[in-house]
């Protein structure tokens, strides 16, 4: 179940990437402001329907998740506009490696040796997909790495909040923190969207909201190290979409990288299922232990 949630989140994020890529002249701060505003409204409506209290139980962790997510998303939107789609996604995919490191320190979740191996193989595939791209500047690369590290912290805090706060509350706090931080900058750099660009902005916000919701449910339902390999499909999706929609070319190393990533993801999924059969209880959290939609955090 958690793997399925993360896979659908990955697809939603990929479609969101396309929306951002089609808006290169809109400052990333403005796009993030719209994304947060749309998510704030939709999340609040969903919480009202489920009678959820919006303020949560661990406010310090919720605010920390919001801060880390804001930094990570800002950096990611910048790289989406500053470099080819596949390259931006590739750099952002460093997050799973940072997740295992941070989760091991903060959550005491130790990855199995084979999981490290699958992650390293997947990362090698990502490097092959990216290749040597002179269009990626050192500054953009640094911003991308910063975003990956921030994203890893956000993912880990989400995991720590499992069983404490509902996924919708976590997403609500993300927007609650982002809007006052990003709003003033967006106002100064404001570029008025035109015509169909409003539809792209709306789609971007809704897709990101759905992706965040499924990602939060996945990270609360399963150990981080068991599912992060799924996110390595993002560069594959980005490579294909970049080729067909944005005429971003790639060579043989990228094709080899696609094959390596798919194999690593498949092997990682098979290994997780094997672990679940051997040790279904203490080390691998069952999804049933995560608060269901509509449960917990009621006023």
C-alpha atoms as a PDB file:
ATOM      1  CA  UNK A   1       0.000   0.000   0.000  1.00  0.00           C
ATOM      2  CA  UNK A   2       2.756   2.455   0.923  1.00  0.00           C
ATOM      3  CA  UNK A   3       4.626   1.704  -2.288  1.00  0.00           C
ATOM      4  CA  UNK A   4       1.489   2.369  -4.314  1.00  0.00           C
ATOM      5  CA  UNK A   5       0.961   5.690  -2.539  1.00  0.00           C
ATOM      6  CA  UNK A   6       4.533   6.763  -3.272  1.00  0.00           C
ATOM      7  CA  UNK A   7       4.247   5.677  -6.901  1.00  0.00           C
ATOM      8  CA  UNK A   8       1.112   7.753  -7.474  1.00  0.00           C
ATOM      9  CA  UNK A   9       2.790  10.665  -5.672  1.00  0.00           C
ATOM     10  CA  UNK A  10       5.752  10.335  -8.035  1.00  0.00           C
ATOM     11  CA  UNK A  11       3.431  10.484 -11.055  1.00  0.00           C
ATOM     12  CA  UNK A  12       1.627  13.539  -9.698  1.00  0.00           C
ATOM     13  CA  UNK A  13       4.934  15.270  -8.992  1.00  0.00           C
ATOM     14  CA  UNK A  14       6.089  14.523 -12.545  1.00  0.00           C
ATOM     15  CA  UNK A  15       2.986  16.150 -14.021  1.00  0.00           C
ATOM     16  CA  UNK A  16       3.525  19.092 -11.679  1.00  0.00           C
ATOM     17  CA  UNK A  17       7.064  19.402 -13.035  1.00  0.00           C
ATOM     18  CA  UNK A  18       5.648  19.787 -16.537  1.00  0.00           C
ATOM     19  CA  UNK A  19       3.398  22.638 -15.395  1.00  0.00           C
ATOM     20  CA  UNK A  20       6.338  24.464 -13.806  1.00  0.00           C
ATOM     21  CA  UNK A  21       8.508  23.874 -16.869  1.00  0.00           C
ATOM     22  CA  UNK A  22       5.854  25.532 -19.046  1.00  0.00           C
ATOM     23  CA  UNK A  23       6.030  28.680 -16.865  1.00  0.00           C
ATOM     24  CA  UNK A  24       9.714  29.685 -17.143  1.00  0.00           C
ATOM     25  CA  UNK A  25       9.067  33.433 -16.878  1.00  0.00           C
ATOM     26  CA  UNK A  26       7.067  33.202 -13.640  1.00  0.00           C
ATOM     27  CA  UNK A  27       9.415  33.527 -10.602  1.00  0.00           C
ATOM     28  CA  UNK A  28       9.605  30.310  -8.556  1.00  0.00           C
ATOM     29  CA  UNK A  29       8.575  32.229  -5.400  1.00  0.00           C
ATOM     30  CA  UNK A  30       5.337  33.248  -7.089  1.00  0.00           C
ATOM     31  CA  UNK A  31       4.631  29.684  -8.229  1.00  0.00           C
ATOM     32  CA  UNK A  32       5.252  28.353  -4.729  1.00  0.00           C
ATOM     33  CA  UNK A  33       2.938  31.007  -3.266  1.00  0.00           C
ATOM     34  CA  UNK A  34       0.135  29.915  -5.605  1.00  0.00           C
ATOM     35  CA  UNK A  35       0.878  26.258  -4.897  1.00  0.00           C
ATOM     36  CA  UNK A  36       0.701  26.849  -1.130  1.00  0.00           C
ATOM     37  CA  UNK A  37      -2.480  28.920  -1.402  1.00  0.00           C
ATOM     38  CA  UNK A  38      -4.271  26.275  -3.473  1.00  0.00           C
ATOM     39  CA  UNK A  39      -3.134  23.535  -1.115  1.00  0.00           C
ATOM     40  CA  UNK A  40      -4.194  25.544   1.953  1.00  0.00           C
ATOM     41  CA  UNK A  41      -7.737  25.954   0.628  1.00  0.00           C
ATOM     42  CA  UNK A  42      -8.188  22.367  -0.579  1.00  0.00           C
ATOM     43  CA  UNK A  43      -6.673  20.896   2.583  1.00  0.00           C
ATOM     44  CA  UNK A  44      -8.845  23.024   4.847  1.00  0.00           C
ATOM     45  CA  UNK A  45     -11.976  21.952   2.957  1.00  0.00           C
ATOM     46  CA  UNK A  46     -10.989  18.282   3.291  1.00  0.00           C
ATOM     47  CA  UNK A  47     -10.280  18.677   7.003  1.00  0.00           C
ATOM     48  CA  UNK A  48     -13.653  20.328   7.556  1.00  0.00           C
ATOM     49  CA  UNK A  49     -15.362  17.443   5.776  1.00  0.00           C
ATOM     50  CA  UNK A  50     -13.537  14.961   8.016  1.00  0.00           C
ATOM     51  CA  UNK A  51     -14.004  17.043  11.180  1.00  0.00           C
ATOM     52  CA  UNK A  52     -10.262  17.261  11.769  1.00  0.00           C
ATOM     53  CA  UNK A  53      -8.720  19.855  14.077  1.00  0.00           C
ATOM     54  CA  UNK A  54      -6.262  21.829  11.908  1.00  0.00           C
ATOM     55  CA  UNK A  55      -3.674  22.786  14.551  1.00  0.00           C
ATOM     56  CA  UNK A  56      -2.146  19.357  15.204  1.00  0.00           C
ATOM     57  CA  UNK A  57      -0.498  17.769  18.230  1.00  0.00           C
ATOM     58  CA  UNK A  58       3.247  18.364  17.666  1.00  0.00           C
ATOM     59  CA  UNK A  59       3.398  21.950  16.489  1.00  0.00           C
ATOM     60  CA  UNK A  60       7.197  22.197  16.671  1.00  0.00           C
ATOM     61  CA  UNK A  61       7.654  19.232  14.321  1.00  0.00           C
ATOM     62  CA  UNK A  62       4.877  20.456  12.039  1.00  0.00           C
ATOM     63  CA  UNK A  63       6.530  23.870  11.743  1.00  0.00           C
ATOM     64  CA  UNK A  64       9.925  22.246  11.151  1.00  0.00           C
ATOM     65  CA  UNK A  65       8.407  20.147   8.374  1.00  0.00           C
ATOM     66  CA  UNK A  66       6.933  23.310   6.877  1.00  0.00           C
ATOM     67  CA  UNK A  67      10.260  25.164   6.968  1.00  0.00           C
ATOM     68  CA  UNK A  68      12.216  22.272   5.457  1.00  0.00           C
ATOM     69  CA  UNK A  69       9.559  21.728   2.812  1.00  0.00           C
ATOM     70  CA  UNK A  70       9.507  25.410   1.872  1.00  0.00           C
ATOM     71  CA  UNK A  71      13.272  25.532   1.359  1.00  0.00           C
ATOM     72  CA  UNK A  72      13.243  22.262  -0.555  1.00  0.00           C
ATOM     73  CA  UNK A  73      10.373  23.247  -2.841  1.00  0.00           C
ATOM     74  CA  UNK A  74      11.821  26.694  -3.561  1.00  0.00           C
ATOM     75  CA  UNK A  75      15.146  25.185  -4.555  1.00  0.00           C
ATOM     76  CA  UNK A  76      13.459  22.530  -6.673  1.00  0.00           C
ATOM     77  CA  UNK A  77      11.260  24.995  -8.574  1.00  0.00           C
ATOM     78  CA  UNK A  78      14.348  27.068  -9.299  1.00  0.00           C
ATOM     79  CA  UNK A  79      16.222  24.105 -10.753  1.00  0.00           C
ATOM     80  CA  UNK A  80      13.197  23.097 -12.840  1.00  0.00           C
ATOM     81  CA  UNK A  81      13.377  26.473 -14.547  1.00  0.00           C
ATOM     82  CA  UNK A  82      17.177  26.745 -14.651  1.00  0.00           C
ATOM     83  CA  UNK A  83      18.121  23.399 -16.210  1.00  0.00           C
ATOM     84  CA  UNK A  84      16.698  20.551 -18.327  1.00  0.00           C
ATOM     85  CA  UNK A  85      13.814  18.667 -16.749  1.00  0.00           C
ATOM     86  CA  UNK A  86      15.626  15.330 -16.398  1.00  0.00           C
ATOM     87  CA  UNK A  87      18.693  17.006 -14.865  1.00  0.00           C
ATOM     88  CA  UNK A  88      16.615  18.924 -12.301  1.00  0.00           C
ATOM     89  CA  UNK A  89      14.749  15.785 -11.266  1.00  0.00           C
ATOM     90  CA  UNK A  90      18.000  13.816 -11.138  1.00  0.00           C
ATOM     91  CA  UNK A  91      19.587  16.238  -8.665  1.00  0.00           C
ATOM     92  CA  UNK A  92      16.409  16.329  -6.602  1.00  0.00           C
ATOM     93  CA  UNK A  93      16.512  12.528  -6.441  1.00  0.00           C
ATOM     94  CA  UNK A  94      19.504  12.764  -4.124  1.00  0.00           C
ATOM     95  CA  UNK A  95      16.901  13.108  -1.343  1.00  0.00           C
ATOM     96  CA  UNK A  96      16.427   9.342  -0.820  1.00  0.00           C
ATOM     97  CA  UNK A  97      20.120   8.950   0.007  1.00  0.00           C
ATOM     98  CA  UNK A  98      19.870  11.780   2.514  1.00  0.00           C
ATOM     99  CA  UNK A  99      16.631  10.261   3.868  1.00  0.00           C
ATOM    100  CA  UNK A 100      18.354   7.036   4.838  1.00  0.00           C
ATOM    101  CA  UNK A 101      21.105   8.992   6.594  1.00  0.00           C
ATOM    102  CA  UNK A 102      18.728  11.337   8.440  1.00  0.00           C
ATOM    103  CA  UNK A 103      16.206   8.609   9.280  1.00  0.00           C
ATOM    104  CA  UNK A 104      18.974   6.453  10.678  1.00  0.00           C
ATOM    105  CA  UNK A 105      20.059   9.281  12.974  1.00  0.00           C
ATOM    106  CA  UNK A 106      16.683  10.768  13.927  1.00  0.00           C
ATOM    107  CA  UNK A 107      14.358   7.752  13.795  1.00  0.00           C
ATOM    108  CA  UNK A 108      16.870   4.969  14.516  1.00  0.00           C
ATOM    109  CA  UNK A 109      15.712   3.223  11.341  1.00  0.00           C
ATOM    110  CA  UNK A 110      18.637   1.221  10.041  1.00  0.00           C
ATOM    111  CA  UNK A 111      18.488   0.225   6.391  1.00  0.00           C
ATOM    112  CA  UNK A 112      19.352  -3.344   5.418  1.00  0.00           C
ATOM    113  CA  UNK A 113      22.624  -3.758   3.486  1.00  0.00           C
ATOM    114  CA  UNK A 114      20.816  -4.828   0.326  1.00  0.00           C
ATOM    115  CA  UNK A 115      18.670  -1.702   0.503  1.00  0.00           C
ATOM    116  CA  UNK A 116      21.834   0.395   0.462  1.00  0.00           C
ATOM    117  CA  UNK A 117      22.994  -1.608  -2.540  1.00  0.00           C
ATOM    118  CA  UNK A 118      19.737  -1.070  -4.445  1.00  0.00           C
ATOM    119  CA  UNK A 119      19.824   2.643  -3.661  1.00  0.00           C
ATOM    120  CA  UNK A 120      23.398   2.978  -4.861  1.00  0.00           C
ATOM    121  CA  UNK A 121      22.593   1.069  -8.055  1.00  0.00           C
ATOM    122  CA  UNK A 122      19.585   3.315  -8.644  1.00  0.00           C
ATOM    123  CA  UNK A 123      21.715   6.399  -8.015  1.00  0.00           C
ATOM    124  CA  UNK A 124      24.289   5.154 -10.528  1.00  0.00           C
ATOM    125  CA  UNK A 125      21.449   4.835 -13.016  1.00  0.00           C
ATOM    126  CA  UNK A 126      20.386   8.393 -12.263  1.00  0.00           C
ATOM    127  CA  UNK A 127      23.940   9.598 -12.922  1.00  0.00           C
ATOM    128  CA  UNK A 128      23.908   7.806 -16.251  1.00  0.00           C
ATOM    129  CA  UNK A 129      20.630   9.489 -17.141  1.00  0.00           C
ATOM    130  CA  UNK A 130      22.022  12.884 -16.299  1.00  0.00           C
ATOM    131  CA  UNK A 131      25.389  12.377 -17.918  1.00  0.00           C
ATOM    132  CA  UNK A 132      27.696  15.318 -18.381  1.00  0.00           C
ATOM    133  CA  UNK A 133      25.413  18.313 -18.902  1.00  0.00           C
ATOM    134  CA  UNK A 134      27.112  21.674 -19.447  1.00  0.00           C
ATOM    135  CA  UNK A 135      23.714  23.371 -19.115  1.00  0.00           C
ATOM    136  CA  UNK A 136      23.841  22.727 -15.360  1.00  0.00           C
ATOM    137  CA  UNK A 137      25.792  25.527 -13.646  1.00  0.00           C
ATOM    138  CA  UNK A 138      27.582  25.093 -10.327  1.00  0.00           C
ATOM    139  CA  UNK A 139      25.191  27.580  -8.693  1.00  0.00           C
ATOM    140  CA  UNK A 140      22.107  25.702  -9.923  1.00  0.00           C
ATOM    141  CA  UNK A 141      23.685  22.421  -8.828  1.00  0.00           C
ATOM    142  CA  UNK A 142      24.328  23.836  -5.332  1.00  0.00           C
ATOM    143  CA  UNK A 143      20.739  25.042  -5.059  1.00  0.00           C
ATOM    144  CA  UNK A 144      19.552  21.604  -6.171  1.00  0.00           C
ATOM    145  CA  UNK A 145      21.645  19.799  -3.546  1.00  0.00           C
ATOM    146  CA  UNK A 146      20.371  22.188  -0.848  1.00  0.00           C
ATOM    147  CA  UNK A 147      16.827  21.399  -1.942  1.00  0.00           C
ATOM    148  CA  UNK A 148      17.511  17.669  -1.768  1.00  0.00           C
ATOM    149  CA  UNK A 149      18.865  17.934   1.762  1.00  0.00           C
ATOM    150  CA  UNK A 150      15.862  20.014   2.853  1.00  0.00           C
ATOM    151  CA  UNK A 151      13.500  17.537   1.251  1.00  0.00           C
ATOM    152  CA  UNK A 152      15.146  14.673   3.119  1.00  0.00           C
ATOM    153  CA  UNK A 153      14.629  16.499   6.420  1.00  0.00           C
ATOM    154  CA  UNK A 154      10.978  17.111   5.547  1.00  0.00           C
ATOM    155  CA  UNK A 155      10.424  13.438   4.668  1.00  0.00           C
ATOM    156  CA  UNK A 156      12.026  12.317   7.913  1.00  0.00           C
ATOM    157  CA  UNK A 157       9.902  14.642  10.045  1.00  0.00           C
ATOM    158  CA  UNK A 158       6.791  13.321   8.287  1.00  0.00           C
ATOM    159  CA  UNK A 159       7.867   9.836   9.259  1.00  0.00           C
ATOM    160  CA  UNK A 160       8.417  10.926  12.871  1.00  0.00           C
ATOM    161  CA  UNK A 161       4.881  12.362  12.953  1.00  0.00           C
ATOM    162  CA  UNK A 162       3.274   9.036  12.093  1.00  0.00           C
ATOM    163  CA  UNK A 163       0.504   8.146  14.498  1.00  0.00           C
ATOM    164  CA  UNK A 164       0.684  11.663  15.969  1.00  0.00           C
ATOM    165  CA  UNK A 165      -0.807  13.924  13.315  1.00  0.00           C
ATOM    166  CA  UNK A 166      -3.062  13.236  10.356  1.00  0.00           C
ATOM    167  CA  UNK A 167      -1.526  13.568   6.845  1.00  0.00           C
ATOM    168  CA  UNK A 168      -3.904  16.441   6.040  1.00  0.00           C
ATOM    169  CA  UNK A 169      -2.750  18.345   9.122  1.00  0.00           C
ATOM    170  CA  UNK A 170       0.881  17.937   8.052  1.00  0.00           C
ATOM    171  CA  UNK A 171       0.093  19.246   4.554  1.00  0.00           C
ATOM    172  CA  UNK A 172      -1.935  22.108   6.052  1.00  0.00           C
ATOM    173  CA  UNK A 173       1.031  23.244   8.133  1.00  0.00           C
ATOM    174  CA  UNK A 174       3.275  23.182   5.088  1.00  0.00           C
ATOM    175  CA  UNK A 175       1.095  25.837   3.425  1.00  0.00           C
ATOM    176  CA  UNK A 176       0.610  27.675   6.706  1.00  0.00           C
ATOM    177  CA  UNK A 177       4.384  28.134   7.032  1.00  0.00           C
ATOM    178  CA  UNK A 178       5.088  28.712   3.339  1.00  0.00           C
ATOM    179  CA  UNK A 179       2.639  31.542   2.640  1.00  0.00           C
ATOM    180  CA  UNK A 180       4.001  34.119   5.140  1.00  0.00           C
ATOM    181  CA  UNK A 181       7.594  33.214   4.244  1.00  0.00           C
ATOM    182  CA  UNK A 182       7.214  33.297   0.469  1.00  0.00           C
ATOM    183  CA  UNK A 183       4.397  35.841   0.112  1.00  0.00           C
ATOM    184  CA  UNK A 184       6.453  39.055   0.540  1.00  0.00           C
ATOM    185  CA  UNK A 185       9.138  37.851  -1.894  1.00  0.00           C
ATOM    186  CA  UNK A 186       6.503  36.812  -4.424  1.00  0.00           C
ATOM    187  CA  UNK A 187       4.914  40.258  -4.147  1.00  0.00           C
ATOM    188  CA  UNK A 188       8.205  42.046  -4.902  1.00  0.00           C
ATOM    189  CA  UNK A 189       9.028  39.780  -7.875  1.00  0.00           C
ATOM    190  CA  UNK A 190       5.426  39.501  -9.124  1.00  0.00           C
ATOM    191  CA  UNK A 191       4.859  38.698 -12.817  1.00  0.00           C
ATOM    192  CA  UNK A 192       1.146  38.636 -13.779  1.00  0.00           C
ATOM    193  CA  UNK A 193       0.137  35.275 -15.337  1.00  0.00           C
ATOM    194  CA  UNK A 194      -1.655  35.475 -18.658  1.00  0.00           C
ATOM    195  CA  UNK A 195      -4.574  33.470 -20.059  1.00  0.00           C
ATOM    196  CA  UNK A 196      -3.969  29.707 -20.053  1.00  0.00           C
ATOM    197  CA  UNK A 197      -1.105  30.155 -17.568  1.00  0.00           C
ATOM    198  CA  UNK A 198      -3.731  30.409 -14.828  1.00  0.00           C
ATOM    199  CA  UNK A 199      -4.896  26.895 -15.736  1.00  0.00           C
ATOM    200  CA  UNK A 200      -1.322  25.621 -15.487  1.00  0.00           C
ATOM    201  CA  UNK A 201      -0.933  27.264 -12.074  1.00  0.00           C
ATOM    202  CA  UNK A 202      -4.198  25.711 -10.856  1.00  0.00           C
ATOM    203  CA  UNK A 203      -3.150  22.282 -12.170  1.00  0.00           C
ATOM    204  CA  UNK A 204       0.271  22.702 -10.541  1.00  0.00           C
ATOM    205  CA  UNK A 205      -1.301  23.410  -7.167  1.00  0.00           C
ATOM    206  CA  UNK A 206      -3.820  20.564  -7.308  1.00  0.00           C
ATOM    207  CA  UNK A 207      -1.260  18.024  -8.554  1.00  0.00           C
ATOM    208  CA  UNK A 208       1.220  19.011  -5.859  1.00  0.00           C
ATOM    209  CA  UNK A 209      -1.485  18.745  -3.205  1.00  0.00           C
ATOM    210  CA  UNK A 210      -2.410  15.222  -4.338  1.00  0.00           C
ATOM    211  CA  UNK A 211       1.248  14.248  -4.504  1.00  0.00           C
ATOM    212  CA  UNK A 212       1.949  15.578  -1.003  1.00  0.00           C
ATOM    213  CA  UNK A 213      -1.095  13.748   0.362  1.00  0.00           C
ATOM    214  CA  UNK A 214      -0.072  10.374  -1.081  1.00  0.00           C
ATOM    215  CA  UNK A 215       3.592  10.892  -0.165  1.00  0.00           C
ATOM    216  CA  UNK A 216       2.655  11.724   3.435  1.00  0.00           C
ATOM    217  CA  UNK A 217       0.480   8.617   3.710  1.00  0.00           C
ATOM    218  CA  UNK A 218       3.287   6.479   2.262  1.00  0.00           C
ATOM    219  CA  UNK A 219       5.945   7.804   4.649  1.00  0.00           C
ATOM    220  CA  UNK A 220       3.645   7.341   7.643  1.00  0.00           C
ATOM    221  CA  UNK A 221       2.752   3.792   6.639  1.00  0.00           C
ATOM    222  CA  UNK A 222       6.208   2.338   5.949  1.00  0.00           C
ATOM    223  CA  UNK A 223       9.845   2.663   6.963  1.00  0.00           C
ATOM    224  CA  UNK A 224      11.521   5.324   4.848  1.00  0.00           C
ATOM    225  CA  UNK A 225      14.330   3.014   3.692  1.00  0.00           C
ATOM    226  CA  UNK A 226      11.813   0.475   2.389  1.00  0.00           C
ATOM    227  CA  UNK A 227      10.085   2.708  -0.129  1.00  0.00           C
ATOM    228  CA  UNK A 228      12.344   5.596  -1.175  1.00  0.00           C
ATOM    229  CA  UNK A 229      13.651   3.526  -4.103  1.00  0.00           C
ATOM    230  CA  UNK A 230      10.314   4.102  -5.856  1.00  0.00           C
ATOM    231  CA  UNK A 231      11.080   7.796  -6.260  1.00  0.00           C
ATOM    232  CA  UNK A 232      13.948   6.928  -8.603  1.00  0.00           C
ATOM    233  CA  UNK A 233      11.337   6.458 -11.315  1.00  0.00           C
ATOM    234  CA  UNK A 234      11.003  10.264 -11.435  1.00  0.00           C
ATOM    235  CA  UNK A 235      14.121  10.826 -13.582  1.00  0.00           C
ATOM    236  CA  UNK A 236      12.860   8.181 -16.007  1.00  0.00           C
ATOM    237  CA  UNK A 237       9.527   9.965 -16.341  1.00  0.00           C
ATOM    238  CA  UNK A 238      11.322  13.309 -16.628  1.00  0.00           C
ATOM    239  CA  UNK A 239      13.642  12.016 -19.332  1.00  0.00           C
ATOM    240  CA  UNK A 240      10.755  10.762 -21.451  1.00  0.00           C
ATOM    241  CA  UNK A 241       8.605  13.863 -20.974  1.00  0.00           C
ATOM    242  CA  UNK A 242      11.556  16.180 -21.550  1.00  0.00           C
ATOM    243  CA  UNK A 243      12.268  14.464 -24.869  1.00  0.00           C
ATOM    244  CA  UNK A 244       8.707  14.570 -26.210  1.00  0.00           C
ATOM    245  CA  UNK A 245       7.494  17.905 -24.818  1.00  0.00           C
ATOM    246  CA  UNK A 246      10.640  20.021 -24.514  1.00  0.00           C
ATOM    247  CA  UNK A 247      12.917  18.470 -27.161  1.00  0.00           C
ATOM    248  CA  UNK A 248      15.593  17.651 -24.565  1.00  0.00           C
ATOM    249  CA  UNK A 249      17.832  15.073 -26.193  1.00  0.00           C
ATOM    250  CA  UNK A 250      19.675  12.196 -24.530  1.00  0.00           C
ATOM    251  CA  UNK A 251      22.120   9.531 -25.638  1.00  0.00           C
ATOM    252  CA  UNK A 252      23.006   5.924 -24.974  1.00  0.00           C
ATOM    253  CA  UNK A 253      24.122   6.481 -21.333  1.00  0.00           C
ATOM    254  CA  UNK A 254      20.641   7.789 -20.536  1.00  0.00           C
ATOM    255  CA  UNK A 255      19.017   4.712 -22.058  1.00  0.00           C
ATOM    256  CA  UNK A 256      21.310   2.492 -19.992  1.00  0.00           C
ATOM    257  CA  UNK A 257      20.435   4.590 -16.939  1.00  0.00           C
ATOM    258  CA  UNK A 258      16.715   4.030 -17.507  1.00  0.00           C
ATOM    259  CA  UNK A 259      17.296   0.277 -17.555  1.00  0.00           C
ATOM    260  CA  UNK A 260      19.434   0.405 -14.388  1.00  0.00           C
ATOM    261  CA  UNK A 261      16.870   2.485 -12.482  1.00  0.00           C
ATOM    262  CA  UNK A 262      13.968   0.235 -13.450  1.00  0.00           C
ATOM    263  CA  UNK A 263      15.914  -2.884 -12.425  1.00  0.00           C
ATOM    264  CA  UNK A 264      16.975  -1.357  -9.086  1.00  0.00           C
ATOM    265  CA  UNK A 265      13.417  -0.203  -8.316  1.00  0.00           C
ATOM    266  CA  UNK A 266      12.011  -3.620  -9.180  1.00  0.00           C
ATOM    267  CA  UNK A 267      14.585  -5.460  -7.069  1.00  0.00           C
ATOM    268  CA  UNK A 268      14.019  -3.059  -4.179  1.00  0.00           C
ATOM    269  CA  UNK A 269      10.285  -3.710  -4.275  1.00  0.00           C
ATOM    270  CA  UNK A 270      10.791  -7.484  -4.324  1.00  0.00           C
ATOM    271  CA  UNK A 271      13.185  -7.279  -1.373  1.00  0.00           C
ATOM    272  CA  UNK A 272      10.733  -5.204   0.679  1.00  0.00           C
ATOM    273  CA  UNK A 273       8.003  -7.779   0.093  1.00  0.00           C
ATOM    274  CA  UNK A 274      10.414 -10.499   1.218  1.00  0.00           C
ATOM    275  CA  UNK A 275      11.213  -8.531   4.402  1.00  0.00           C
ATOM    276  CA  UNK A 276       7.510  -8.109   5.097  1.00  0.00           C
ATOM    277  CA  UNK A 277       6.963 -11.853   4.874  1.00  0.00           C
ATOM    278  CA  UNK A 278       9.901 -12.619   7.176  1.00  0.00           C
ATOM    279  CA  UNK A 279       9.293  -9.868   9.755  1.00  0.00           C
ATOM    280  CA  UNK A 280       5.889  -8.220   9.311  1.00  0.00           C
ATOM    281  CA  UNK A 281       5.534  -6.645  12.739  1.00  0.00           C
ATOM    282  CA  UNK A 282       8.197  -4.770  14.686  1.00  0.00           C
ATOM    283  CA  UNK A 283      10.606  -3.463  12.104  1.00  0.00           C
ATOM    284  CA  UNK A 284       8.239  -2.800   9.228  1.00  0.00           C
ATOM    285  CA  UNK A 285       5.243  -0.712  10.208  1.00  0.00           C
ATOM    286  CA  UNK A 286       1.905  -2.027   9.001  1.00  0.00           C
ATOM    287  CA  UNK A 287      -0.275   0.506   7.213  1.00  0.00           C
ATOM    288  CA  UNK A 288      -3.171  -0.356   9.490  1.00  0.00           C
ATOM    289  CA  UNK A 289      -1.321   1.283  12.395  1.00  0.00           C
ATOM    290  CA  UNK A 290      -1.366   4.652  10.657  1.00  0.00           C
ATOM    291  CA  UNK A 291      -4.414   6.853  11.383  1.00  0.00           C
ATOM    292  CA  UNK A 292      -6.934   6.280   8.632  1.00  0.00           C
ATOM    293  CA  UNK A 293      -8.465   9.101   6.665  1.00  0.00           C
ATOM    294  CA  UNK A 294     -11.094  10.654   8.873  1.00  0.00           C
ATOM    295  CA  UNK A 295      -9.608   9.374  12.126  1.00  0.00           C
ATOM    296  CA  UNK A 296      -7.506  11.120  14.775  1.00  0.00           C
ATOM    297  CA  UNK A 297      -6.923  14.793  15.530  1.00  0.00           C
ATOM    298  CA  UNK A 298     -10.623  15.498  15.872  1.00  0.00           C
ATOM    299  CA  UNK A 299     -11.613  18.603  17.847  1.00  0.00           C
END
